[in-house]
Amino acid sequence: GYYYTNSAVIAYGPVEDPQIAIGAVLEWGGGGANLLPLVAEIFDLYYSQNSSDLQPVSEGVLLP
């Protein structure tokens, strides 16, 4: 069943010069689609706190 599927993710970034590594397990998580948004949020928080160069971009605007 759906609720008996565990989720596991190992991620690092940035690829060229890794600064952060994340290992996460979500028991009965229902698959990676439920865990990946949490991992993405951790990356977003890490980089927003460790970079004063980041500027928000409006939704729907292409990045340079």
N, C-alpha and C. Protein backbone atom coordinates (compact mmCIF):
# COMPACT_ATOMS: atom_id res chain seq x y z
N GLY A 1 0.80 -1.18 0.00
CA GLY A 1 0.00 0.00 0.00
C GLY A 1 0.85 1.27 0.00
N TYR A 2 0.21 2.32 -0.25
CA TYR A 2 0.84 3.64 -0.34
C TYR A 2 1.55 4.01 0.94
N TYR A 3 0.96 3.76 2.09
CA TYR A 3 1.52 4.23 3.35
C TYR A 3 2.69 3.38 3.83
N TYR A 4 2.93 2.24 3.18
CA TYR A 4 4.04 1.39 3.60
C TYR A 4 5.28 1.60 2.76
N THR A 5 5.24 2.57 1.87
CA THR A 5 6.40 2.89 1.05
C THR A 5 7.26 3.90 1.79
N ASN A 6 8.51 3.56 2.02
CA ASN A 6 9.43 4.47 2.69
C ASN A 6 10.11 5.38 1.67
N SER A 7 10.58 6.53 2.13
CA SER A 7 11.29 7.49 1.29
C SER A 7 12.69 7.68 1.84
N ALA A 8 13.67 7.72 0.94
CA ALA A 8 15.04 8.00 1.34
C ALA A 8 15.69 8.86 0.27
N VAL A 9 16.41 9.91 0.70
CA VAL A 9 17.05 10.83 -0.23
C VAL A 9 18.42 11.19 0.31
N ILE A 10 19.41 11.20 -0.57
CA ILE A 10 20.74 11.73 -0.25
C ILE A 10 21.02 12.78 -1.32
N ALA A 11 21.36 14.00 -0.88
CA ALA A 11 21.59 15.10 -1.82
C ALA A 11 22.76 15.95 -1.33
N TYR A 12 23.40 16.62 -2.27
CA TYR A 12 24.48 17.55 -1.90
C TYR A 12 24.48 18.70 -2.90
N GLY A 13 25.15 19.77 -2.54
CA GLY A 13 25.19 20.90 -3.47
C GLY A 13 26.14 21.98 -3.00
N PRO A 14 26.55 22.84 -3.88
CA PRO A 14 26.37 22.72 -5.33
C PRO A 14 27.29 21.63 -5.89
N VAL A 15 26.99 21.17 -7.08
CA VAL A 15 27.71 20.06 -7.68
C VAL A 15 29.19 20.38 -7.84
N GLU A 16 29.52 21.60 -8.27
CA GLU A 16 30.92 21.97 -8.55
C GLU A 16 31.78 22.04 -7.30
N ASP A 17 31.20 22.46 -6.19
CA ASP A 17 31.96 22.64 -4.94
C ASP A 17 31.02 22.40 -3.76
N PRO A 18 30.76 21.13 -3.42
CA PRO A 18 29.77 20.82 -2.39
C PRO A 18 30.04 21.53 -1.06
N GLN A 19 28.98 22.13 -0.52
CA GLN A 19 29.05 22.82 0.76
C GLN A 19 28.10 22.21 1.78
N ILE A 20 27.09 21.49 1.31
CA ILE A 20 26.08 20.91 2.19
C ILE A 20 25.69 19.53 1.66
N ALA A 21 25.50 18.60 2.58
CA ALA A 21 25.01 17.27 2.25
C ALA A 21 23.81 16.98 3.14
N ILE A 22 22.80 16.36 2.56
CA ILE A 22 21.58 16.06 3.29
C ILE A 22 21.25 14.58 3.08
N GLY A 23 20.99 13.89 4.15
CA GLY A 23 20.48 12.53 4.12
C GLY A 23 19.17 12.52 4.88
N ALA A 24 18.10 12.07 4.26
CA ALA A 24 16.80 12.11 4.92
C ALA A 24 16.05 10.81 4.66
N VAL A 25 15.37 10.32 5.68
CA VAL A 25 14.54 9.13 5.57
C VAL A 25 13.18 9.46 6.17
N LEU A 26 12.12 9.10 5.47
CA LEU A 26 10.77 9.32 5.95
C LEU A 26 10.05 7.97 5.94
N GLU A 27 9.92 7.40 7.13
CA GLU A 27 9.27 6.10 7.24
C GLU A 27 7.80 6.22 6.87
N TRP A 28 7.32 5.30 6.05
CA TRP A 28 5.95 5.30 5.53
C TRP A 28 5.65 6.62 4.82
N GLY A 29 6.66 7.18 4.15
CA GLY A 29 6.52 8.48 3.51
C GLY A 29 5.76 8.48 2.21
N GLY A 30 5.51 7.32 1.63
CA GLY A 30 4.72 7.27 0.41
C GLY A 30 5.52 7.55 -0.85
N GLY A 31 6.83 7.56 -0.79
CA GLY A 31 7.66 7.79 -1.97
C GLY A 31 8.41 9.10 -1.91
N GLY A 32 9.34 9.25 -2.83
CA GLY A 32 10.20 10.43 -2.84
C GLY A 32 9.49 11.74 -3.08
N ALA A 33 8.35 11.71 -3.75
CA ALA A 33 7.62 12.95 -4.04
C ALA A 33 7.17 13.65 -2.77
N ASN A 34 7.05 12.92 -1.68
CA ASN A 34 6.64 13.53 -0.41
C ASN A 34 7.83 14.06 0.39
N LEU A 35 9.01 13.53 0.14
CA LEU A 35 10.19 13.94 0.90
C LEU A 35 10.99 15.02 0.18
N LEU A 36 10.99 15.00 -1.14
CA LEU A 36 11.82 15.95 -1.89
C LEU A 36 11.48 17.42 -1.63
N PRO A 37 10.21 17.80 -1.45
CA PRO A 37 9.94 19.21 -1.13
C PRO A 37 10.59 19.64 0.19
N LEU A 38 10.68 18.75 1.16
CA LEU A 38 11.35 19.07 2.42
C LEU A 38 12.84 19.27 2.21
N VAL A 39 13.46 18.40 1.42
CA VAL A 39 14.89 18.53 1.12
C VAL A 39 15.15 19.83 0.36
N ALA A 40 14.29 20.16 -0.59
CA ALA A 40 14.43 21.43 -1.34
C ALA A 40 14.31 22.62 -0.40
N GLU A 41 13.42 22.53 0.57
CA GLU A 41 13.25 23.62 1.53
C GLU A 41 14.50 23.79 2.40
N ILE A 42 15.13 22.69 2.77
CA ILE A 42 16.38 22.75 3.54
C ILE A 42 17.47 23.46 2.73
N PHE A 43 17.60 23.08 1.44
CA PHE A 43 18.57 23.75 0.57
C PHE A 43 18.26 25.24 0.46
N ASP A 44 17.00 25.58 0.24
CA ASP A 44 16.61 26.99 0.12
C ASP A 44 16.98 27.77 1.37
N LEU A 45 16.69 27.21 2.53
CA LEU A 45 17.00 27.89 3.79
C LEU A 45 18.50 28.04 3.96
N TYR A 46 19.26 26.98 3.68
CA TYR A 46 20.71 27.04 3.83
C TYR A 46 21.31 28.13 2.94
N TYR A 47 20.92 28.14 1.67
CA TYR A 47 21.52 29.11 0.75
C TYR A 47 21.02 30.53 0.99
N SER A 48 19.80 30.69 1.46
CA SER A 48 19.30 32.05 1.73
C SER A 48 20.01 32.65 2.95
N GLN A 49 20.40 31.82 3.91
CA GLN A 49 21.10 32.31 5.09
C GLN A 49 22.59 32.49 4.86
N ASN A 50 23.14 31.80 3.85
CA ASN A 50 24.58 31.84 3.62
C ASN A 50 25.00 32.60 2.38
N SER A 51 24.09 33.36 1.81
CA SER A 51 24.44 34.14 0.63
C SER A 51 23.71 35.46 0.65
N SER A 52 24.47 36.53 0.70
CA SER A 52 23.86 37.86 0.67
C SER A 52 23.66 38.31 -0.78
N ASP A 53 24.16 37.52 -1.75
CA ASP A 53 24.04 37.87 -3.15
C ASP A 53 22.69 37.51 -3.76
N LEU A 54 21.93 36.65 -3.09
CA LEU A 54 20.67 36.20 -3.66
C LEU A 54 19.62 37.28 -3.58
N GLN A 55 18.97 37.51 -4.68
CA GLN A 55 17.88 38.47 -4.75
C GLN A 55 16.63 37.72 -5.21
N PRO A 56 15.49 37.99 -4.60
CA PRO A 56 14.28 37.31 -5.03
C PRO A 56 13.89 37.72 -6.45
N VAL A 57 13.33 36.78 -7.17
CA VAL A 57 12.86 37.02 -8.53
C VAL A 57 11.37 36.73 -8.55
N SER A 58 10.62 37.60 -9.20
CA SER A 58 9.18 37.43 -9.29
C SER A 58 8.84 36.12 -9.98
N GLU A 59 7.74 35.54 -9.59
CA GLU A 59 7.29 34.29 -10.20
C GLU A 59 6.99 34.54 -11.68
N GLY A 60 7.39 33.61 -12.51
CA GLY A 60 7.14 33.72 -13.94
C GLY A 60 8.20 34.48 -14.72
N VAL A 61 9.25 34.95 -14.03
CA VAL A 61 10.32 35.71 -14.67
C VAL A 61 11.50 34.78 -14.90
N LEU A 62 12.05 34.77 -16.11
CA LEU A 62 13.20 33.93 -16.39
C LEU A 62 14.44 34.43 -15.68
N LEU A 63 15.26 33.51 -15.21
CA LEU A 63 16.51 33.88 -14.54
C LEU A 63 17.55 34.27 -15.58
N PRO A 64 18.45 35.18 -15.22
CA PRO A 64 19.49 35.59 -16.20
C PRO A 64 20.47 34.47 -16.49
